[in-house]
Amino acid sequence: MDLPLFPLETVLCPGIALPLHVFEPRYRRLLERCLAEGSSFGVVLVREGREVGPTPASLARVGTMAEIRECRALDDGTFDILVVGTERFAISEVTAGADGYLVAEIAALPDRVDDELLVARLADRVSRRFVDYLRLLQPADGEESTGLDVQVEVEVREAAALDPGVESSEASHDGGGAGSGEAVVPDDPTTLSHLLSGIIQVELPRRQALLEAATTDERLVALDGLLDRELPLLARRLRVWTADPRQDAVRRN
């Protein structure tokens, strides 16, 4: 299967919403093609090189399908769009398309569960610990709020928010708050593992490794290990992760 690629200096996980400002002519053509066909494109991490300008020197071999949920054409010919990660894919070959953007030969990368009992226990443990993680991310008295600038596509309840810094995909993607909805933790362990992989604040190589995990078992084990690292640090108001200044609230291609 051929898939147009949108290389970015970020990792899109299934279930995560990503706002993009599309201005390069080649990616405007990519977007116009996808809108005309009602199709998705692939978001893939730039390992070396830049996402703007010449073709990146190196791309990750696993990416995520991006389904266009919102699109707004601007007066200058650029677009503001909101996409949601749907399913993973593996790249076997990349070529330069006639319209200037990259096209990949891909295969779907289905998620596998090896040990259902282990995965059920891990999902319960990780989801409970992740609630603690979100609470610890909230600023203490006298601290400035940094918040999580992450949007997710999950069910929303009219209740007190699980974490006001995590937006549902029903919120505005131009920086609006999450409102009064409560993000419901998914019951499905695989869905949960991807959602948490997209929210937990880690370095890009670690997030890419979570995306590439061969099984849900492996991904949940890795998330549990990351929470082992992060929870004590947050409790002491320390962080290993620091924001990459290139990661804007709204990604620009």
Foldseek 3Di string as FASTA:
>chain_A
DKAFEQEAQFAAFAQWKAKAKEDDQLVLVVVVVCVVVVAWHWYWYQPADHSPDDDGPDTDQKTFTWHWDDWDQDPVRIIITMTGTHFMWGFDDWDQDPSGTIMTDIDTQDAAADDVVLLLVLLVVLVVLVLLVLVLLADDPPDDHPAFLIEGAADWDQAAASHFRYAYPVADLPDDTNPRTYGDQDNDLQVNLRVVLRGDQDDRVLSVCLRVDNHSSVSSVSSVVVSVVRNVCSVVPHDPHDDDVQDDSHHYD
